[in-house]
Amino acid sequence: MPPSFETFGATLYLENGLYFKGNGFGKEKIGIGEVVFNTSITGYQEIITDPSYAKQIITFTHPHIGNVGTNPEDSESEGIYASGIVVKDLAFIPSSWRNKQSLDLFCKENDCVGIANIDTRELTNVLRSQGSLRGCIIPDSLRQKNQPEKIFSIFSGLAGLDLAKEVSTKLSYLWDEPVWGFKGELPNDLNIVVIDFGVKRNILRLLRTHIGKVKVVSAQSTYEEVMNLEPDAVFLSNGPGDPEPCGYAISLIKQLIEKKLPLFGICLGHQLLGLASGCKTYKMKFGHHGGNHPVKDLMHGEVMITSQNHGFAIDKTSVPTNIEVTHISLFDQTIQGIALKTAPAFSFQGHPEASPGPHDLLPLFTQFRNLIQDAKKN
């Protein structure tokens, strides 16, 4: 271990009484959240900076994390939203021409605690059998004054927790950056309003590249505030937490559906569109977190490899007749996509912007543009 790499003693505690001792890195602080596992082999910086991971401790099943360091381009937001990071082997010396700083330093600067030298295979087996569990990472230096039982009493889990309004932007802003390497002319004929429930930067890049001009607004924006922007369509972004407590968002979406304004939702936006259309949602056992999830397009019979990050899903038994299920997970048959029969609105549960396919889901953005243009004709 290089002498410049500093670790500290730390322990990961689970609510079921199990604990894992290891070496802490990043910020020497307590991290508490729902412990989930992510099966992605690459993209750890994108994952930990995804606002959808707020109040979650991410266990990476890939044994080596930090190999390529971090850089400003790969962040999906302005900082780390995960409550903590759990890895087996942390790379001490990053090896990449794009590296600007190690994962350890990146976590220090972004106020996130991590723990390494954990048997992540054993931990993942626990989470698969028992479901996602509340957990906390406690540095040894803070252990005496902070008992796990006391820490767990202040966090009851993600169910019933509205986090979208916490991670959302407070001020509206324009987004004008296309996808990396784009050389063509950007479309300016359509105005898209993005409701920010925890949006990722690459979603905004794709919308700007394929759809039109993009303006991002707060999750708690009113119907009047949205319509004053004269949108041709509204995008419902990804985000963290339980969709059911987001009454302000559900109310807004209901009004947009009634207006028959074209809508496209991803992840939390997908669940909120379902709730606004009469569906119910439920908490999954351990959710979907990874970049290797097969999803079937029921309309065309195609199978796509997708990136996933969600702990809630639309209840298939609650789907009303005005909704058509368009996509399902081939892992567990859960709903991955819906389309409204009575309004120009559709949604997808996975993350097309993460591109594990790598381009399997880009047609969703073409579908959105076509939907908007058809609506304008009518």
Protein backbone atom coordinates (compact mmCIF):
# COMPACT_ATOMS: atom_id res chain seq x y z
CA MET A 1 0.00 0.00 0.00
CA PRO A 2 1.51 3.39 -0.95
CA PRO A 3 2.29 5.54 2.10
CA SER A 4 0.12 8.37 0.69
CA PHE A 5 -2.97 6.20 0.81
CA GLU A 6 -4.60 6.60 4.21
CA THR A 7 -7.30 4.28 5.51
CA PHE A 8 -8.98 3.97 8.87
CA GLY A 9 -10.66 1.17 10.73
CA ALA A 10 -14.39 0.93 10.01
CA THR A 11 -17.32 -1.46 10.29
CA LEU A 12 -20.45 -1.95 8.21
CA TYR A 13 -23.42 -2.82 10.44
CA LEU A 14 -26.68 -4.27 9.13
CA GLU A 15 -30.06 -4.04 10.84
CA ASN A 16 -30.23 -7.86 11.11
CA GLY A 17 -27.25 -7.88 13.47
CA LEU A 18 -24.55 -8.90 10.97
CA TYR A 19 -21.48 -6.73 10.67
CA PHE A 20 -18.40 -6.58 8.42
CA LYS A 21 -15.08 -5.10 9.54
CA GLY A 22 -12.87 -3.44 6.95
CA ASN A 23 -10.75 -0.43 6.05
CA GLY A 24 -12.51 2.88 5.70
CA PHE A 25 -11.64 5.37 2.96
CA GLY A 26 -12.93 8.71 1.76
CA LYS A 27 -14.48 10.96 4.38
CA GLU A 28 -14.11 9.68 7.95
CA LYS A 29 -17.78 10.02 8.88
CA ILE A 30 -20.85 7.89 9.56
CA GLY A 31 -22.86 6.79 6.53
CA ILE A 32 -26.39 5.43 6.92
CA GLY A 33 -28.81 4.21 4.28
CA GLU A 34 -30.39 1.22 2.58
CA VAL A 35 -27.70 -1.27 1.57
CA VAL A 36 -28.08 -2.44 -2.04
CA PHE A 37 -25.80 -4.29 -4.45
CA ASN A 38 -24.87 -3.18 -7.95
CA THR A 39 -23.64 -5.71 -10.53
CA SER A 40 -22.08 -3.24 -12.98
CA ILE A 41 -18.49 -3.96 -13.96
CA THR A 42 -17.72 -0.38 -15.03
CA GLY A 43 -19.12 3.09 -14.36
CA TYR A 44 -18.67 3.36 -10.59
CA GLN A 45 -18.28 7.14 -10.76
CA GLU A 46 -21.51 7.50 -12.75
CA ILE A 47 -23.27 5.28 -10.20
CA ILE A 48 -22.18 7.06 -7.02
CA THR A 49 -22.97 10.50 -8.49
CA ASP A 50 -26.45 9.45 -9.65
CA PRO A 51 -28.98 11.31 -7.44
CA SER A 52 -31.19 8.19 -7.61
CA TYR A 53 -28.83 6.61 -5.04
CA ALA A 54 -29.60 9.15 -2.30
CA LYS A 55 -29.88 7.47 1.12
CA GLN A 56 -28.37 4.23 -0.21
CA ILE A 57 -25.11 2.43 0.56
CA ILE A 58 -23.86 0.80 -2.65
CA THR A 59 -22.17 -2.58 -2.56
CA PHE A 60 -20.24 -3.21 -5.77
CA THR A 61 -20.19 -6.89 -6.70
CA HIS A 62 -17.26 -6.34 -9.09
CA PRO A 63 -14.19 -7.06 -6.92
CA HIS A 64 -11.94 -4.21 -8.14
CA ILE A 65 -13.24 -0.65 -7.83
CA GLY A 66 -11.29 2.57 -8.39
CA ASN A 67 -9.01 1.17 -11.09
CA VAL A 68 -9.48 4.10 -13.49
CA GLY A 69 -9.77 6.81 -10.85
CA THR A 70 -12.22 9.67 -11.39
CA ASN A 71 -12.53 12.66 -13.71
CA PRO A 72 -14.90 15.65 -14.07
CA GLU A 73 -16.56 14.34 -17.26
CA ASP A 74 -17.94 11.12 -15.75
CA SER A 75 -19.94 12.67 -12.90
CA GLU A 76 -23.72 12.62 -13.40
CA SER A 77 -24.31 15.46 -10.93
CA GLU A 78 -22.40 17.99 -8.86
CA GLY A 79 -21.36 15.48 -6.19
CA ILE A 80 -21.84 12.07 -4.58
CA TYR A 81 -25.39 11.26 -3.54
CA ALA A 82 -24.80 7.74 -2.20
CA SER A 83 -24.59 7.52 1.60
CA GLY A 84 -21.67 5.12 1.40
CA ILE A 85 -19.67 2.75 -0.81
CA VAL A 86 -18.73 -0.88 -0.09
CA VAL A 87 -16.00 -2.59 -2.13
CA LYS A 88 -13.82 -5.67 -1.90
CA ASP A 89 -10.54 -4.31 -3.29
CA LEU A 90 -9.99 -0.58 -3.70
CA ALA A 91 -7.39 0.41 -6.30
CA PHE A 92 -4.61 2.35 -4.60
CA ILE A 93 -3.07 3.70 -7.81
CA PRO A 94 -5.54 4.48 -10.65
CA SER A 95 -4.43 3.52 -14.15
CA SER A 96 -6.09 5.64 -16.85
CA TRP A 97 -5.08 8.60 -19.01
CA ARG A 98 -8.40 10.20 -18.05
CA ASN A 99 -7.78 10.00 -14.30
CA LYS A 100 -7.69 13.27 -12.35
CA GLN A 101 -7.86 11.93 -8.80
CA SER A 102 -8.29 8.63 -6.99
CA LEU A 103 -11.69 7.38 -5.83
CA ASP A 104 -10.48 7.85 -2.24
CA LEU A 105 -9.76 11.56 -2.79
CA PHE A 106 -12.96 12.00 -4.79
CA CYS A 107 -14.95 10.62 -1.85
CA LYS A 108 -13.07 12.84 0.60
CA GLU A 109 -13.85 15.95 -1.44
CA ASN A 110 -17.51 14.95 -1.84
CA ASP A 111 -18.17 14.05 1.81
CA CYS A 112 -18.75 10.32 1.28
CA VAL A 113 -17.50 7.41 3.38
CA GLY A 114 -16.41 4.09 1.91
CA ILE A 115 -15.31 0.75 3.29
CA ALA A 116 -12.97 -1.73 1.58
CA ASN A 117 -11.69 -5.27 2.22
CA ILE A 118 -15.25 -6.50 2.74
CA ASP A 119 -16.42 -9.91 1.53
CA THR A 120 -18.88 -8.41 -0.94
CA ARG A 121 -19.92 -11.85 -2.21
CA GLU A 122 -21.14 -12.83 1.26
CA LEU A 123 -22.84 -9.47 1.72
CA THR A 124 -24.59 -9.75 -1.65
CA ASN A 125 -25.87 -13.24 -0.78
CA VAL A 126 -27.34 -11.80 2.43
CA LEU A 127 -29.10 -9.02 0.54
CA ARG A 128 -30.42 -11.41 -2.11
CA SER A 129 -31.88 -13.77 0.47
CA GLN A 130 -33.15 -11.24 3.03
CA GLY A 131 -33.73 -8.22 0.79
CA SER A 132 -32.24 -4.74 0.99
CA LEU A 133 -31.37 -3.86 4.58
CA ARG A 134 -30.71 -0.71 6.52
CA GLY A 135 -27.02 -0.35 7.22
CA CYS A 136 -24.46 2.06 8.56
CA ILE A 137 -20.72 2.48 8.09
CA ILE A 138 -19.09 3.60 11.34
CA PRO A 139 -15.39 4.54 11.55
CA ASP A 140 -13.67 3.09 14.63
CA SER A 141 -12.85 6.64 15.76
CA LEU A 142 -16.57 7.43 16.02
CA ARG A 143 -17.78 4.06 17.30
CA GLN A 144 -17.75 4.74 21.05
CA LYS A 145 -20.26 7.60 20.88
CA ASN A 146 -22.36 6.15 18.08
CA GLN A 147 -24.08 2.81 18.62
CA PRO A 148 -25.68 1.16 15.55
CA GLU A 149 -29.02 0.81 17.34
CA LYS A 150 -29.18 4.56 17.94
CA ILE A 151 -28.24 5.32 14.33
CA PHE A 152 -30.87 2.94 12.92
CA SER A 153 -33.55 4.68 15.00
CA ILE A 154 -33.16 7.83 12.87
CA PHE A 155 -33.55 6.05 9.51
CA SER A 156 -36.58 3.83 8.97
CA GLY A 157 -35.82 2.96 5.33
CA LEU A 158 -36.80 4.24 1.89
CA ALA A 159 -40.46 3.19 2.00
CA GLY A 160 -42.59 6.29 2.51
CA LEU A 161 -39.61 8.60 1.99
CA ASP A 162 -39.93 11.49 -0.49
CA LEU A 163 -36.37 12.28 -1.61
CA ALA A 164 -37.12 13.80 -5.02
CA LYS A 165 -37.70 17.28 -3.61
CA GLU A 166 -34.45 17.03 -1.62
CA VAL A 167 -32.18 16.28 -4.58
CA SER A 168 -34.01 18.45 -7.14
CA THR A 169 -32.64 21.74 -8.41
CA LYS A 170 -33.92 24.78 -6.56
CA LEU A 171 -33.47 27.14 -9.54
CA SER A 172 -34.49 26.56 -13.15
CA TYR A 173 -31.72 26.46 -15.75
CA LEU A 174 -31.13 25.89 -19.45
CA TRP A 175 -29.09 22.90 -20.65
CA ASP A 176 -27.24 23.28 -23.94
CA GLU A 177 -24.58 20.53 -23.90
CA PRO A 178 -24.98 17.66 -26.42
CA VAL A 179 -23.66 14.11 -26.08
CA TRP A 180 -19.90 13.71 -26.22
CA GLY A 181 -18.45 13.89 -29.72
CA PHE A 182 -21.60 15.28 -31.34
CA LYS A 183 -20.67 17.28 -34.45
CA GLY A 184 -24.04 17.97 -36.09
CA GLU A 185 -26.54 20.78 -35.73
CA LEU A 186 -28.60 20.75 -32.55
CA PRO A 187 -32.41 20.76 -32.93
CA ASN A 188 -34.05 24.02 -31.85
CA ASP A 189 -37.61 23.51 -33.08
CA LEU A 190 -38.99 21.95 -29.89
CA ASN A 191 -39.07 23.17 -26.28
CA ILE A 192 -38.67 20.48 -23.62
CA VAL A 193 -39.27 21.09 -19.93
CA VAL A 194 -37.52 18.59 -17.66
CA ILE A 195 -39.03 18.02 -14.23
CA ASP A 196 -35.96 17.35 -12.10
CA PHE A 197 -36.61 14.58 -9.58
CA GLY A 198 -32.86 13.81 -9.55
CA VAL A 199 -31.91 14.02 -13.21
CA LYS A 200 -28.62 12.68 -14.61
CA ARG A 201 -26.52 14.87 -16.88
CA ASN A 202 -26.38 12.36 -19.72
CA ILE A 203 -30.19 12.32 -19.93
CA LEU A 204 -30.04 16.07 -20.49
CA ARG A 205 -27.35 15.61 -23.14
CA LEU A 206 -29.50 13.09 -25.01
CA LEU A 207 -32.60 15.29 -24.84
CA ARG A 208 -30.62 18.27 -26.17
CA THR A 209 -29.06 16.17 -28.93
CA HIS A 210 -32.16 14.31 -30.13
CA ILE A 211 -35.20 16.38 -29.13
CA GLY A 212 -34.73 20.12 -28.81
CA LYS A 213 -34.07 22.98 -26.41
CA VAL A 214 -34.04 21.89 -22.75
CA LYS A 215 -35.07 23.76 -19.61
CA VAL A 216 -34.80 22.05 -16.22
CA VAL A 217 -37.19 22.98 -13.42
CA SER A 218 -37.76 21.97 -9.80
CA ALA A 219 -39.62 18.82 -8.82
CA GLN A 220 -42.15 20.97 -6.98
CA SER A 221 -42.97 23.21 -9.96
CA THR A 222 -46.67 23.93 -10.37
CA TYR A 223 -48.74 23.28 -13.48
CA GLU A 224 -48.94 27.03 -14.13
CA GLU A 225 -45.16 27.44 -13.82
CA VAL A 226 -44.54 24.61 -16.29
CA MET A 227 -47.11 25.81 -18.83
CA ASN A 228 -45.79 29.39 -18.66
CA LEU A 229 -42.61 28.03 -20.26
CA GLU A 230 -44.67 27.03 -23.34
CA PRO A 231 -43.36 23.46 -23.56
CA ASP A 232 -43.93 21.23 -26.55
CA ALA A 233 -43.41 18.29 -24.18
CA VAL A 234 -42.42 17.46 -20.62
CA PHE A 235 -39.80 14.95 -19.51
CA LEU A 236 -40.16 13.25 -16.10
CA SER A 237 -36.71 12.43 -14.78
CA ASN A 238 -35.21 9.68 -12.67
CA GLY A 239 -34.81 10.16 -8.94
CA PRO A 240 -34.55 8.52 -5.50
CA GLY A 241 -36.99 7.37 -2.86
CA ASP A 242 -40.58 6.17 -2.78
CA PRO A 243 -42.81 7.57 -5.56
CA GLU A 244 -46.08 7.42 -3.59
CA PRO A 245 -45.35 10.33 -1.18
CA CYS A 246 -44.62 12.66 -4.14
CA GLY A 247 -48.17 14.00 -4.25
CA TYR A 248 -47.10 17.33 -5.77
CA ALA A 249 -45.56 15.49 -8.75
CA ILE A 250 -48.50 13.11 -9.20
CA SER A 251 -50.91 16.06 -9.21
CA LEU A 252 -48.82 17.91 -11.81
CA ILE A 253 -48.59 14.85 -14.08
CA LYS A 254 -52.36 14.31 -13.90
CA GLN A 255 -52.90 17.86 -15.16
CA LEU A 256 -50.34 17.38 -17.95
CA ILE A 257 -52.06 14.15 -19.02
CA GLU A 258 -55.42 15.93 -19.10
CA LYS A 259 -53.81 18.66 -21.23
CA LYS A 260 -52.57 15.84 -23.52
CA LEU A 261 -49.09 17.27 -23.50
CA PRO A 262 -46.50 14.69 -24.68
CA LEU A 263 -44.76 13.04 -21.71
CA PHE A 264 -41.75 10.74 -21.38
CA GLY A 265 -40.70 9.36 -17.98
CA ILE A 266 -37.62 7.44 -16.87
CA CYS A 267 -37.16 5.48 -13.61
CA LEU A 268 -38.94 7.49 -10.87
CA GLY A 269 -40.63 9.45 -13.66
CA HIS A 270 -41.95 6.13 -15.00
CA GLN A 271 -43.38 5.19 -11.62
CA LEU A 272 -44.93 8.64 -11.13
CA LEU A 273 -46.58 8.47 -14.56
CA GLY A 274 -48.03 5.12 -13.54
CA LEU A 275 -49.37 6.49 -10.26
CA ALA A 276 -50.88 9.51 -12.00
CA SER A 277 -52.62 7.14 -14.44
CA GLY A 278 -54.19 4.86 -11.85
CA CYS A 279 -51.48 2.29 -11.11
CA LYS A 280 -50.03 1.35 -7.75
CA THR A 281 -46.38 0.86 -6.83
CA TYR A 282 -44.64 -1.41 -4.33
CA LYS A 283 -41.24 -1.82 -2.64
CA MET A 284 -39.16 -4.57 -4.25
CA LYS A 285 -37.21 -7.14 -2.25
CA PHE A 286 -33.76 -5.99 -3.35
CA GLY A 287 -34.52 -3.97 -6.45
CA HIS A 288 -32.65 -3.81 -9.74
CA HIS A 289 -29.18 -2.25 -9.66
CA GLY A 290 -26.72 -3.00 -12.45
CA GLY A 291 -25.79 -2.68 -16.10
CA ASN A 292 -26.64 -6.14 -17.42
CA HIS A 293 -30.43 -6.43 -17.14
CA PRO A 294 -32.32 -7.93 -20.10
CA VAL A 295 -35.61 -6.20 -20.94
CA LYS A 296 -38.09 -7.34 -23.57
CA ASP A 297 -39.92 -4.92 -25.83
CA LEU A 298 -43.40 -6.48 -26.03
CA MET A 299 -44.33 -4.38 -29.05
CA HIS A 300 -41.52 -5.65 -31.29
CA GLY A 301 -40.28 -8.80 -29.53
CA GLU A 302 -36.75 -7.42 -29.15
CA VAL A 303 -34.54 -7.95 -26.08
CA MET A 304 -32.30 -5.11 -24.89
CA ILE A 305 -29.50 -5.00 -22.34
CA THR A 306 -30.23 -2.19 -19.92
CA SER A 307 -28.89 -0.30 -16.94
CA GLN A 308 -31.15 -0.34 -13.87
CA ASN A 309 -31.36 1.41 -10.53
CA HIS A 310 -34.66 1.21 -8.71
CA GLY A 311 -36.13 -0.28 -5.56
CA PHE A 312 -39.81 0.35 -6.39
CA ALA A 313 -41.91 -0.93 -9.29
CA ILE A 314 -45.39 -0.61 -10.78
CA ASP A 315 -47.73 -3.34 -9.53
CA LYS A 316 -48.81 -5.30 -12.61
CA THR A 317 -52.08 -6.30 -10.93
CA SER A 318 -53.07 -2.62 -10.65
CA VAL A 319 -52.64 -1.59 -14.29
CA PRO A 320 -55.92 -0.10 -15.57
CA THR A 321 -57.30 -0.64 -19.08
CA ASN A 322 -56.13 2.78 -20.26
CA ILE A 323 -52.49 1.67 -19.97
CA GLU A 324 -50.55 -0.72 -22.17
CA VAL A 325 -47.50 -2.52 -20.75
CA THR A 326 -44.74 -2.13 -23.35
CA HIS A 327 -41.66 -3.65 -21.67
CA ILE A 328 -40.95 -6.31 -19.04
CA SER A 329 -37.85 -7.47 -17.17
CA LEU A 330 -36.66 -10.93 -18.20
CA PHE A 331 -35.18 -11.38 -14.72
CA ASP A 332 -38.46 -11.26 -12.80
CA GLN A 333 -41.20 -10.18 -15.27
CA THR A 334 -41.67 -6.82 -13.53
CA ILE A 335 -43.03 -3.92 -15.58
CA GLN A 336 -40.32 -1.94 -17.38
CA GLY A 337 -42.38 0.26 -19.67
CA ILE A 338 -45.90 1.60 -20.13
CA ALA A 339 -47.79 3.73 -22.66
CA LEU A 340 -51.08 5.55 -22.18
CA LYS A 341 -53.83 4.74 -24.69
CA THR A 342 -55.70 8.00 -24.11
CA ALA A 343 -52.80 10.49 -24.08
CA PRO A 344 -49.38 10.93 -25.75
CA ALA A 345 -47.38 9.63 -22.81
CA PHE A 346 -45.01 6.72 -22.21
CA SER A 347 -42.25 5.73 -19.81
CA PHE A 348 -39.39 3.34 -19.22
CA GLN A 349 -38.11 1.96 -15.91
CA GLY A 350 -34.43 1.49 -16.85
CA HIS A 351 -31.78 4.07 -17.69
CA PRO A 352 -31.31 4.45 -21.46
CA GLU A 353 -28.72 7.18 -20.94
CA ALA A 354 -26.29 4.72 -19.31
CA SER A 355 -25.99 2.86 -22.63
CA PRO A 356 -24.84 -0.63 -21.56
CA GLY A 357 -26.17 -2.05 -24.85
CA PRO A 358 -24.59 0.39 -25.75
CA HIS A 359 -27.27 1.90 -28.02
CA ASP A 360 -30.20 -0.48 -27.52
CA LEU A 361 -32.46 2.16 -25.98
CA LEU A 362 -31.66 5.28 -28.00
CA PRO A 363 -34.83 4.68 -30.10
CA LEU A 364 -36.81 5.77 -27.02
CA PHE A 365 -35.65 9.33 -27.67
CA THR A 366 -36.61 9.06 -31.33
CA GLN A 367 -40.01 7.77 -30.19
CA PHE A 368 -40.34 10.81 -27.92
CA ARG A 369 -39.55 13.25 -30.73
CA ASN A 370 -41.99 11.51 -33.08
CA LEU A 371 -44.66 11.62 -30.37
CA ILE A 372 -44.17 15.37 -29.96
CA GLN A 373 -44.29 16.06 -33.68
CA ASP A 374 -47.46 13.98 -34.09
CA ALA A 375 -49.07 15.86 -31.21
CA LYS A 376 -48.19 19.21 -32.79
CA LYS A 377 -49.82 18.12 -36.09
CA ASN A 378 -53.00 17.13 -34.28
